[in-house]
PDB file of N, CA and C in Angstrom:
ATOM      1  N   UNK A   1       0.855  -1.162   0.000  1.00  0.00           N
ATOM      2  CA  UNK A   1       0.000   0.000   0.000  1.00  0.00           C
ATOM      3  C   UNK A   1       0.909   1.235   0.000  1.00  0.00           C
ATOM      4  N   UNK A   2       0.665   2.172  -0.919  1.00  0.00           N
ATOM      5  CA  UNK A   2       1.500   3.375  -0.959  1.00  0.00           C
ATOM      6  C   UNK A   2       1.065   4.405   0.083  1.00  0.00           C
ATOM      7  N   UNK A   3       1.919   5.405   0.279  1.00  0.00           N
ATOM      8  CA  UNK A   3       1.574   6.537   1.141  1.00  0.00           C
ATOM      9  C   UNK A   3       0.377   7.244   0.522  1.00  0.00           C
ATOM     10  N   UNK A   4      -0.626   7.550   1.323  1.00  0.00           N
ATOM     11  CA  UNK A   4      -1.837   8.153   0.784  1.00  0.00           C
ATOM     12  C   UNK A   4      -1.597   9.592   0.316  1.00  0.00           C
ATOM     13  N   UNK A   5      -0.564  10.259   0.824  1.00  0.00           N
ATOM     14  CA  UNK A   5      -0.305  11.654   0.450  1.00  0.00           C
ATOM     15  C   UNK A   5       0.546  11.780  -0.802  1.00  0.00           C
ATOM     16  N   UNK A   6       1.668  11.048  -0.859  1.00  0.00           N
ATOM     17  CA  UNK A   6       2.608  11.249  -1.969  1.00  0.00           C
ATOM     18  C   UNK A   6       2.696  10.055  -2.913  1.00  0.00           C
ATOM     19  N   UNK A   7       2.129   8.923  -2.507  1.00  0.00           N
ATOM     20  CA  UNK A   7       2.145   7.742  -3.363  1.00  0.00           C
ATOM     21  C   UNK A   7       3.422   6.918  -3.292  1.00  0.00           C
ATOM     22  N   UNK A   8       4.363   7.292  -2.416  1.00  0.00           N
ATOM     23  CA  UNK A   8       5.609   6.528  -2.275  1.00  0.00           C
ATOM     24  C   UNK A   8       5.283   5.102  -1.832  1.00  0.00           C
ATOM     25  N   UNK A   9       6.018   4.166  -2.376  1.00  0.00           N
ATOM     26  CA  UNK A   9       5.817   2.760  -2.013  1.00  0.00           C
ATOM     27  C   UNK A   9       6.723   2.392  -0.849  1.00  0.00           C
ATOM     28  N   UNK A  10       6.195   1.588   0.045  1.00  0.00           N
ATOM     29  CA  UNK A  10       6.963   1.113   1.187  1.00  0.00           C
ATOM     30  C   UNK A  10       7.931   0.049   0.698  1.00  0.00           C
ATOM     31  N   UNK A  11       9.186   0.146   1.118  1.00  0.00           N
ATOM     32  CA  UNK A  11      10.188  -0.844   0.737  1.00  0.00           C
ATOM     33  C   UNK A  11      10.318  -1.870   1.850  1.00  0.00           C
ATOM     34  N   UNK A  12      11.064  -2.925   1.576  1.00  0.00           N
ATOM     35  CA  UNK A  12      11.272  -3.933   2.611  1.00  0.00           C
ATOM     36  C   UNK A  12      11.897  -3.279   3.835  1.00  0.00           C
ATOM     37  N   UNK A  13      11.298  -3.505   4.998  1.00  0.00           N
ATOM     38  CA  UNK A  13      11.797  -2.827   6.199  1.00  0.00           C
ATOM     39  C   UNK A  13      13.125  -3.395   6.682  1.00  0.00           C
ATOM     40  N   UNK A  14      13.897  -2.521   7.285  1.00  0.00           N
ATOM     41  CA  UNK A  14      15.107  -2.931   7.983  1.00  0.00           C
ATOM     42  C   UNK A  14      14.632  -3.512   9.308  1.00  0.00           C
ATOM     43  N   UNK A  15      15.456  -4.306   9.947  1.00  0.00           N
ATOM     44  CA  UNK A  15      15.044  -4.879  11.233  1.00  0.00           C
ATOM     45  C   UNK A  15      14.587  -3.787  12.191  1.00  0.00           C
ATOM     46  N   UNK A  16      13.578  -4.117  12.954  1.00  0.00           N
ATOM     47  CA  UNK A  16      13.062  -3.172  13.933  1.00  0.00           C
ATOM     48  C   UNK A  16      11.733  -2.599  13.494  1.00  0.00           C
ATOM     49  N   UNK A  17      11.312  -1.579  14.190  1.00  0.00           N
ATOM     50  CA  UNK A  17      10.015  -0.965  13.922  1.00  0.00           C
ATOM     51  C   UNK A  17      10.053  -0.206  12.595  1.00  0.00           C
ATOM     52  N   UNK A  18       8.953  -0.242  11.894  1.00  0.00           N
ATOM     53  CA  UNK A  18       8.838   0.465  10.619  1.00  0.00           C
ATOM     54  C   UNK A  18       8.696   1.963  10.869  1.00  0.00           C
ATOM     55  N   UNK A  19       9.352   2.786  10.056  1.00  0.00           N
ATOM     56  CA  UNK A  19       9.192   4.233  10.206  1.00  0.00           C
ATOM     57  C   UNK A  19       7.871   4.740   9.620  1.00  0.00           C
ATOM     58  N   UNK A  20       7.153   3.883   8.923  1.00  0.00           N
ATOM     59  CA  UNK A  20       5.867   4.270   8.343  1.00  0.00           C
ATOM     60  C   UNK A  20       4.808   4.272   9.432  1.00  0.00           C
ATOM     61  N   UNK A  21       3.838   5.166   9.306  1.00  0.00           N
ATOM     62  CA  UNK A  21       2.768   5.306  10.293  1.00  0.00           C
ATOM     63  C   UNK A  21       1.450   4.845   9.684  1.00  0.00           C
ATOM     64  N   UNK A  22       0.676   4.096  10.462  1.00  0.00           N
ATOM     65  CA  UNK A  22      -0.676   3.726  10.039  1.00  0.00           C
ATOM     66  C   UNK A  22      -1.646   4.763  10.569  1.00  0.00           C
ATOM     67  N   UNK A  23      -2.704   4.955   9.839  1.00  0.00           N
ATOM     68  CA  UNK A  23      -3.741   5.868  10.280  1.00  0.00           C
ATOM     69  C   UNK A  23      -5.039   5.539   9.572  1.00  0.00           C
ATOM     70  N   UNK A  24      -6.069   6.283   9.900  1.00  0.00           N
ATOM     71  CA  UNK A  24      -7.370   6.106   9.268  1.00  0.00           C
ATOM     72  C   UNK A  24      -7.760   7.456   8.669  1.00  0.00           C
ATOM     73  N   UNK A  25      -8.142   7.434   7.404  1.00  0.00           N
ATOM     74  CA  UNK A  25      -8.581   8.647   6.722  1.00  0.00           C
ATOM     75  C   UNK A  25      -9.859   8.322   5.984  1.00  0.00           C
ATOM     76  N   UNK A  26     -10.908   9.082   6.252  1.00  0.00           N
ATOM     77  CA  UNK A  26     -12.228   8.807   5.667  1.00  0.00           C
ATOM     78  C   UNK A  26     -12.617   7.349   5.909  1.00  0.00           C
ATOM     79  N   UNK A  27     -12.283   6.884   7.116  1.00  0.00           N
ATOM     80  CA  UNK A  27     -12.630   5.550   7.607  1.00  0.00           C
ATOM     81  C   UNK A  27     -12.028   4.413   6.792  1.00  0.00           C
ATOM     82  N   UNK A  28     -10.872   4.662   6.194  1.00  0.00           N
ATOM     83  CA  UNK A  28     -10.114   3.620   5.494  1.00  0.00           C
ATOM     84  C   UNK A  28      -8.689   3.634   6.036  1.00  0.00           C
ATOM     85  N   UNK A  29      -8.117   2.447   6.202  1.00  0.00           N
ATOM     86  CA  UNK A  29      -6.743   2.341   6.692  1.00  0.00           C
ATOM     87  C   UNK A  29      -5.790   2.912   5.649  1.00  0.00           C
ATOM     88  N   UNK A  30      -4.855   3.761   6.067  1.00  0.00           N
ATOM     89  CA  UNK A  30      -3.863   4.350   5.175  1.00  0.00           C
ATOM     90  C   UNK A  30      -2.484   4.249   5.802  1.00  0.00           C
ATOM     91  N   UNK A  31      -1.462   4.371   4.971  1.00  0.00           N
ATOM     92  CA  UNK A  31      -0.084   4.452   5.436  1.00  0.00           C
ATOM     93  C   UNK A  31       0.440   5.845   5.141  1.00  0.00           C
ATOM     94  N   UNK A  32       1.329   6.330   6.020  1.00  0.00           N
ATOM     95  CA  UNK A  32       1.954   7.631   5.835  1.00  0.00           C
ATOM     96  C   UNK A  32       3.470   7.413   5.881  1.00  0.00           C
ATOM     97  N   UNK A  33       4.159   7.832   4.817  1.00  0.00           N
ATOM     98  CA  UNK A  33       5.612   7.642   4.752  1.00  0.00           C
ATOM     99  C   UNK A  33       6.303   8.572   5.739  1.00  0.00           C
ATOM    100  N   UNK A  34       7.570   8.288   6.061  1.00  0.00           N
ATOM    101  CA  UNK A  34       8.293   9.138   7.011  1.00  0.00           C
ATOM    102  C   UNK A  34       8.381  10.601   6.565  1.00  0.00           C
ATOM    103  N   UNK A  35       8.543  10.861   5.268  1.00  0.00           N
ATOM    104  CA  UNK A  35       8.636  12.251   4.795  1.00  0.00           C
ATOM    105  C   UNK A  35       7.328  12.997   5.021  1.00  0.00           C
ATOM    106  N   UNK A  36       6.203  12.378   4.694  1.00  0.00           N
ATOM    107  CA  UNK A  36       4.906  13.042   4.848  1.00  0.00           C
ATOM    108  C   UNK A  36       4.496  13.197   6.308  1.00  0.00           C
ATOM    109  N   UNK A  37       5.057  12.366   7.190  1.00  0.00           N
ATOM    110  CA  UNK A  37       4.736  12.488   8.615  1.00  0.00           C
ATOM    111  C   UNK A  37       5.189  13.826   9.186  1.00  0.00           C
ATOM    112  N   UNK A  38       6.123  14.475   8.519  1.00  0.00           N
ATOM    113  CA  UNK A  38       6.616  15.774   8.997  1.00  0.00           C
ATOM    114  C   UNK A  38       5.584  16.881   8.786  1.00  0.00           C
ATOM    115  N   UNK A  39       4.615  16.645   7.909  1.00  0.00           N
ATOM    116  CA  UNK A  39       3.558  17.635   7.668  1.00  0.00           C
ATOM    117  C   UNK A  39       2.694  17.741   8.917  1.00  0.00           C
ATOM    118  N   UNK A  40       2.281  18.941   9.239  1.00  0.00           N
ATOM    119  CA  UNK A  40       1.485  19.141  10.454  1.00  0.00           C
ATOM    120  C   UNK A  40       0.027  18.752  10.252  1.00  0.00           C
ATOM    121  N   UNK A  41      -0.474  18.870   9.021  1.00  0.00           N
ATOM    122  CA  UNK A  41      -1.872  18.547   8.762  1.00  0.00           C
ATOM    123  C   UNK A  41      -1.952  17.300   7.888  1.00  0.00           C
ATOM    124  N   UNK A  42      -2.011  16.145   8.542  1.00  0.00           N
ATOM    125  CA  UNK A  42      -2.091  14.888   7.802  1.00  0.00           C
ATOM    126  C   UNK A  42      -3.516  14.572   7.375  1.00  0.00           C
ATOM    127  N   UNK A  43      -4.494  15.296   7.883  1.00  0.00           N
ATOM    128  CA  UNK A  43      -5.900  15.095   7.546  1.00  0.00           C
ATOM    129  C   UNK A  43      -6.352  13.662   7.841  1.00  0.00           C
ATOM    130  N   UNK A  44      -5.946  13.157   9.015  1.00  0.00           N
ATOM    131  CA  UNK A  44      -6.350  11.818   9.447  1.00  0.00           C
ATOM    132  C   UNK A  44      -7.574  11.930  10.349  1.00  0.00           C
ATOM    133  N   UNK A  45      -8.393  10.882  10.362  1.00  0.00           N
ATOM    134  CA  UNK A  45      -9.537  10.839  11.267  1.00  0.00           C
ATOM    135  C   UNK A  45      -9.026  10.827  12.708  1.00  0.00           C
ATOM    136  N   UNK A  46      -9.803  11.372  13.615  1.00  0.00           N
ATOM    137  CA  UNK A  46      -9.430  11.411  15.029  1.00  0.00           C
ATOM    138  C   UNK A  46     -10.481  10.677  15.856  1.00  0.00           C
ATOM    139  N   UNK A  47     -10.051  10.162  16.989  1.00  0.00           N
ATOM    140  CA  UNK A  47     -10.935   9.472  17.918  1.00  0.00           C
ATOM    141  C   UNK A  47     -11.959  10.466  18.478  1.00  0.00           C
ATOM    142  N   UNK A  48     -13.218  10.060  18.504  1.00  0.00           N
ATOM    143  CA  UNK A  48     -14.264  10.934  19.047  1.00  0.00           C
ATOM    144  C   UNK A  48     -14.178  11.024  20.570  1.00  0.00           C
ATOM    145  N   UNK A  49     -13.531  10.052  21.211  1.00  0.00           N
ATOM    146  CA  UNK A  49     -13.415  10.064  22.675  1.00  0.00           C
ATOM    147  C   UNK A  49     -12.241  10.896  23.179  1.00  0.00           C
ATOM    148  N   UNK A  50     -11.049  10.676  22.579  1.00  0.00           N
ATOM    149  CA  UNK A  50      -9.853  11.336  23.116  1.00  0.00           C
ATOM    150  C   UNK A  50      -9.148  12.263  22.128  1.00  0.00           C
ATOM    151  N   UNK A  51      -9.550  12.247  20.850  1.00  0.00           N
ATOM    152  CA  UNK A  51      -8.945  13.140  19.860  1.00  0.00           C
ATOM    153  C   UNK A  51      -7.671  12.619  19.220  1.00  0.00           C
ATOM    154  N   UNK A  52      -7.209  11.449  19.622  1.00  0.00           N
ATOM    155  CA  UNK A  52      -5.983  10.879  19.068  1.00  0.00           C
ATOM    156  C   UNK A  52      -6.188  10.469  17.604  1.00  0.00           C
ATOM    157  N   UNK A  53      -5.119  10.550  16.810  1.00  0.00           N
ATOM    158  CA  UNK A  53      -5.184  10.068  15.429  1.00  0.00           C
ATOM    159  C   UNK A  53      -4.570   8.672  15.303  1.00  0.00           C
ATOM    160  N   UNK A  54      -4.259   8.047  16.433  1.00  0.00           N
ATOM    161  CA  UNK A  54      -3.702   6.695  16.435  1.00  0.00           C
ATOM    162  C   UNK A  54      -4.844   5.691  16.302  1.00  0.00           C
ATOM    163  N   UNK A  55      -5.444   5.645  15.114  1.00  0.00           N
ATOM    164  CA  UNK A  55      -6.586   4.770  14.857  1.00  0.00           C
ATOM    165  C   UNK A  55      -6.204   3.654  13.903  1.00  0.00           C
ATOM    166  N   UNK A  56      -6.902   2.532  14.025  1.00  0.00           N
ATOM    167  CA  UNK A  56      -6.792   1.454  13.052  1.00  0.00           C
ATOM    168  C   UNK A  56      -8.205   1.068  12.624  1.00  0.00           C
ATOM    169  N   UNK A  57      -8.317   0.644  11.397  1.00  0.00           N
ATOM    170  CA  UNK A  57      -9.609   0.235  10.854  1.00  0.00           C
ATOM    171  C   UNK A  57      -9.491  -1.221  10.452  1.00  0.00           C
ATOM    172  N   UNK A  58     -10.371  -2.046  11.009  1.00  0.00           N
ATOM    173  CA  UNK A  58     -10.341  -3.472  10.666  1.00  0.00           C
ATOM    174  C   UNK A  58     -11.727  -4.067  10.862  1.00  0.00           C
ATOM    175  N   UNK A  59     -12.080  -4.942   9.962  1.00  0.00           N
ATOM    176  CA  UNK A  59     -13.340  -5.677  10.033  1.00  0.00           C
ATOM    177  C   UNK A  59     -14.543  -4.776  10.303  1.00  0.00           C
ATOM    178  N   UNK A  60     -14.564  -3.619   9.653  1.00  0.00           N
ATOM    179  CA  UNK A  60     -15.706  -2.730   9.787  1.00  0.00           C
ATOM    180  C   UNK A  60     -15.752  -1.923  11.060  1.00  0.00           C
ATOM    181  N   UNK A  61     -14.659  -1.934  11.816  1.00  0.00           N
ATOM    182  CA  UNK A  61     -14.598  -1.165  13.050  1.00  0.00           C
ATOM    183  C   UNK A  61     -13.396  -0.230  13.015  1.00  0.00           C
ATOM    184  N   UNK A  62     -13.518   0.874  13.708  1.00  0.00           N
ATOM    185  CA  UNK A  62     -12.400   1.800  13.892  1.00  0.00           C
ATOM    186  C   UNK A  62     -12.063   1.765  15.373  1.00  0.00           C
ATOM    187  N   UNK A  63     -10.795   1.462  15.675  1.00  0.00           N
ATOM    188  CA  UNK A  63     -10.353   1.360  17.065  1.00  0.00           C
ATOM    189  C   UNK A  63      -9.259   2.373  17.335  1.00  0.00           C
ATOM    190  N   UNK A  64      -9.347   3.033  18.486  1.00  0.00           N
ATOM    191  CA  UNK A  64      -8.333   3.985  18.914  1.00  0.00           C
ATOM    192  C   UNK A  64      -7.251   3.229  19.672  1.00  0.00           C
ATOM    193  N   UNK A  65      -6.004   3.379  19.225  1.00  0.00           N
ATOM    194  CA  UNK A  65      -4.891   2.710  19.896  1.00  0.00           C
ATOM    195  C   UNK A  65      -4.513   3.427  21.192  1.00  0.00           C
ATOM    196  N   UNK A  66      -4.979   4.664  21.362  1.00  0.00           N
ATOM    197  CA  UNK A  66      -4.647   5.418  22.580  1.00  0.00           C
ATOM    198  C   UNK A  66      -5.580   5.082  23.740  1.00  0.00           C
ATOM    199  N   UNK A  67      -6.893   5.172  23.506  1.00  0.00           N
ATOM    200  CA  UNK A  67      -7.834   4.972  24.618  1.00  0.00           C
ATOM    201  C   UNK A  67      -8.625   3.664  24.514  1.00  0.00           C
ATOM    202  N   UNK A  68      -8.527   2.972  23.371  1.00  0.00           N
ATOM    203  CA  UNK A  68      -9.216   1.695  23.222  1.00  0.00           C
ATOM    204  C   UNK A  68     -10.660   1.786  22.765  1.00  0.00           C
ATOM    205  N   UNK A  69     -11.154   3.009  22.509  1.00  0.00           N
ATOM    206  CA  UNK A  69     -12.539   3.163  22.048  1.00  0.00           C
ATOM    207  C   UNK A  69     -12.714   2.473  20.697  1.00  0.00           C
ATOM    208  N   UNK A  70     -13.827   1.766  20.539  1.00  0.00           N
ATOM    209  CA  UNK A  70     -14.133   1.061  19.296  1.00  0.00           C
ATOM    210  C   UNK A  70     -15.513   1.498  18.830  1.00  0.00           C
ATOM    211  N   UNK A  71     -15.637   1.741  17.531  1.00  0.00           N
ATOM    212  CA  UNK A  71     -16.943   2.081  16.961  1.00  0.00           C
ATOM    213  C   UNK A  71     -17.062   1.455  15.594  1.00  0.00           C
ATOM    214  N   UNK A  72     -18.287   1.287  15.154  1.00  0.00           N
ATOM    215  CA  UNK A  72     -18.553   0.768  13.823  1.00  0.00           C
ATOM    216  C   UNK A  72     -18.196   1.846  12.811  1.00  0.00           C
ATOM    217  N   UNK A  73     -17.463   1.468  11.770  1.00  0.00           N
ATOM    218  CA  UNK A  73     -17.117   2.435  10.729  1.00  0.00           C
ATOM    219  C   UNK A  73     -18.390   2.827   9.995  1.00  0.00           C
ATOM    220  N   UNK A  74     -18.585   4.128   9.799  1.00  0.00           N
ATOM    221  CA  UNK A  74     -19.790   4.604   9.120  1.00  0.00           C
ATOM    222  C   UNK A  74     -19.913   4.027   7.728  1.00  0.00           C
ATOM    223  N   UNK A  75     -18.794   3.871   7.031  1.00  0.00           N
ATOM    224  CA  UNK A  75     -18.844   3.323   5.680  1.00  0.00           C
ATOM    225  C   UNK A  75     -19.308   1.874   5.690  1.00  0.00           C
ATOM    226  N   UNK A  76     -19.182   1.203   6.824  1.00  0.00           N
ATOM    227  CA  UNK A  76     -19.617  -0.191   6.918  1.00  0.00           C
ATOM    228  C   UNK A  76     -21.071  -0.307   7.342  1.00  0.00           C
ATOM    229  N   UNK A  77     -21.638   0.753   7.912  1.00  0.00           N
ATOM    230  CA  UNK A  77     -23.034   0.681   8.327  1.00  0.00           C
ATOM    231  C   UNK A  77     -23.932   0.420   7.131  1.00  0.00           C
ATOM    232  N   UNK A  78     -23.625   1.051   5.988  1.00  0.00           N
ATOM    233  CA  UNK A  78     -24.438   0.821   4.795  1.00  0.00           C
ATOM    234  C   UNK A  78     -24.239  -0.596   4.282  1.00  0.00           C
ATOM    235  N   UNK A  79     -23.023  -1.139   4.438  1.00  0.00           N
ATOM    236  CA  UNK A  79     -22.778  -2.517   4.009  1.00  0.00           C
ATOM    237  C   UNK A  79     -23.542  -3.498   4.884  1.00  0.00           C
ATOM    238  N   UNK A  80     -23.589  -3.226   6.182  1.00  0.00           N
ATOM    239  CA  UNK A  80     -24.301  -4.104   7.104  1.00  0.00           C
ATOM    240  C   UNK A  80     -25.783  -4.107   6.767  1.00  0.00           C
ATOM    241  N   UNK A  81     -26.363  -2.930   6.496  1.00  0.00           N
ATOM    242  CA  UNK A  81     -27.782  -2.892   6.179  1.00  0.00           C
ATOM    243  C   UNK A  81     -28.044  -3.496   4.808  1.00  0.00           C
ATOM    244  N   UNK A  82     -27.101  -3.336   3.861  1.00  0.00           N
ATOM    245  CA  UNK A  82     -27.280  -3.918   2.532  1.00  0.00           C
ATOM    246  C   UNK A  82     -27.162  -5.433   2.577  1.00  0.00           C
ATOM    247  N   UNK A  83     -26.372  -5.958   3.516  1.00  0.00           N
ATOM    248  CA  UNK A  83     -26.187  -7.408   3.600  1.00  0.00           C
ATOM    249  C   UNK A  83     -27.487  -8.111   3.953  1.00  0.00           C
ATOM    250  N   UNK A  84     -28.395  -7.419   4.615  1.00  0.00           N
ATOM    251  CA  UNK A  84     -29.671  -8.012   4.964  1.00  0.00           C
ATOM    252  C   UNK A  84     -30.674  -7.943   3.823  1.00  0.00           C
ATOM    253  N   UNK A  85     -30.311  -7.320   2.731  1.00  0.00           N
ATOM    254  CA  UNK A  85     -31.202  -7.154   1.595  1.00  0.00           C
ATOM    255  C   UNK A  85     -31.441  -8.484   0.890  1.00  0.00           C
ATOM    256  N   UNK A  86     -32.714  -8.832   0.576  1.00  0.00           N
ATOM    257  CA  UNK A  86     -32.990 -10.096  -0.110  1.00  0.00           C
ATOM    258  C   UNK A  86     -32.358 -10.148  -1.495  1.00  0.00           C
ATOM    259  N   UNK A  87     -32.321  -9.016  -2.200  1.00  0.00           N
ATOM    260  CA  UNK A  87     -31.712  -9.004  -3.531  1.00  0.00           C
ATOM    261  C   UNK A  87     -30.235  -9.345  -3.457  1.00  0.00           C
ATOM    262  N   UNK A  88     -29.516  -8.745  -2.509  1.00  0.00           N
ATOM    263  CA  UNK A  88     -28.096  -9.016  -2.356  1.00  0.00           C
ATOM    264  C   UNK A  88     -27.872 -10.459  -1.938  1.00  0.00           C
ATOM    265  N   UNK A  89     -28.690 -10.968  -1.043  1.00  0.00           N
ATOM    266  CA  UNK A  89     -28.557 -12.360  -0.606  1.00  0.00           C
ATOM    267  C   UNK A  89     -28.731 -13.309  -1.777  1.00  0.00           C
ATOM    268  N   UNK A  90     -29.692 -13.032  -2.636  1.00  0.00           N
ATOM    269  CA  UNK A  90     -29.925 -13.878  -3.812  1.00  0.00           C
ATOM    270  C   UNK A  90     -28.744 -13.807  -4.772  1.00  0.00           C
ATOM    271  N   UNK A  91     -28.178 -12.607  -4.953  1.00  0.00           N
ATOM    272  CA  UNK A  91     -27.023 -12.458  -5.838  1.00  0.00           C
ATOM    273  C   UNK A  91     -25.822 -13.219  -5.300  1.00  0.00           C
ATOM    274  N   UNK A  92     -25.589 -13.132  -3.999  1.00  0.00           N
ATOM    275  CA  UNK A  92     -24.469 -13.845  -3.390  1.00  0.00           C
ATOM    276  C   UNK A  92     -24.671 -15.348  -3.516  1.00  0.00           C
ATOM    277  N   UNK A  93     -25.873 -15.818  -3.256  1.00  0.00           N
ATOM    278  CA  UNK A  93     -26.153 -17.245  -3.382  1.00  0.00           C
ATOM    279  C   UNK A  93     -25.932 -17.723  -4.813  1.00  0.00           C
ATOM    280  N   UNK A  94     -26.397 -16.959  -5.795  1.00  0.00           N
ATOM    281  CA  UNK A  94     -26.215 -17.335  -7.203  1.00  0.00           C
ATOM    282  C   UNK A  94     -24.731 -17.363  -7.569  1.00  0.00           C
ATOM    283  N   UNK A  95     -23.964 -16.396  -7.086  1.00  0.00           N
ATOM    284  CA  UNK A  95     -22.527 -16.354  -7.375  1.00  0.00           C
ATOM    285  C   UNK A  95     -21.813 -17.545  -6.753  1.00  0.00           C
ATOM    286  N   UNK A  96     -22.164 -17.872  -5.519  1.00  0.00           N
ATOM    287  CA  UNK A  96     -21.562 -19.047  -4.877  1.00  0.00           C
ATOM    288  C   UNK A  96     -21.904 -20.326  -5.623  1.00  0.00           C
ATOM    289  N   UNK A  97     -23.131 -20.442  -6.059  1.00  0.00           N
ATOM    290  CA  UNK A  97     -23.541 -21.629  -6.818  1.00  0.00           C
ATOM    291  C   UNK A  97     -22.733 -21.753  -8.106  1.00  0.00           C
ATOM    292  N   UNK A  98     -22.511 -20.626  -8.784  1.00  0.00           N
ATOM    293  CA  UNK A  98     -21.723 -20.657 -10.028  1.00  0.00           C
ATOM    294  C   UNK A  98     -20.281 -21.088  -9.737  1.00  0.00           C
ATOM    295  N   UNK A  99     -19.687 -20.495  -8.722  1.00  0.00           N
ATOM    296  CA  UNK A  99     -18.292 -20.781  -8.391  1.00  0.00           C
ATOM    297  C   UNK A  99     -18.110 -22.210  -7.911  1.00  0.00           C
ATOM    298  N   UNK A 100     -19.046 -22.682  -7.120  1.00  0.00           N
ATOM    299  CA  UNK A 100     -18.927 -24.018  -6.547  1.00  0.00           C
ATOM    300  C   UNK A 100     -19.519 -25.102  -7.446  1.00  0.00           C
ATOM    301  N   UNK A 101     -20.044 -24.715  -8.601  1.00  0.00           N
ATOM    302  CA  UNK A 101     -20.582 -25.689  -9.563  1.00  0.00           C
ATOM    303  C   UNK A 101     -21.888 -26.309  -9.146  1.00  0.00           C
ATOM    304  N   UNK A 102     -22.639 -25.647  -8.310  1.00  0.00           N
ATOM    305  CA  UNK A 102     -23.959 -26.160  -7.909  1.00  0.00           C
ATOM    306  C   UNK A 102     -24.974 -25.764  -8.963  1.00  0.00           C
ATOM    307  N   UNK A 103     -26.032 -26.581  -9.089  1.00  0.00           N
ATOM    308  CA  UNK A 103     -27.071 -26.194 -10.055  1.00  0.00           C
ATOM    309  C   UNK A 103     -28.259 -25.575  -9.399  1.00  0.00           C
TER     310      UNK A 103
END
């Protein structure tokens, strides 16, 4: 995954901690290269509880690494409601049947 600001690609890390920073922007996980980290306005999402930008996004949730607050990602709320849709369920079932060779 490239840096979301400049597009630089992450190279194989040297032993130890990576100088790249993870963050969440518009509720998607992003990487920030060491050069772009020097910018004061990274435009990263912040925790609603403590204001920290040390967030991670995984499995439809956004978690704050500072205070531990977890919330459902807003972008996933529409996916969760769409997953209950009969049309989507039928499409998924038909696709699985095609892939698995069921009639």
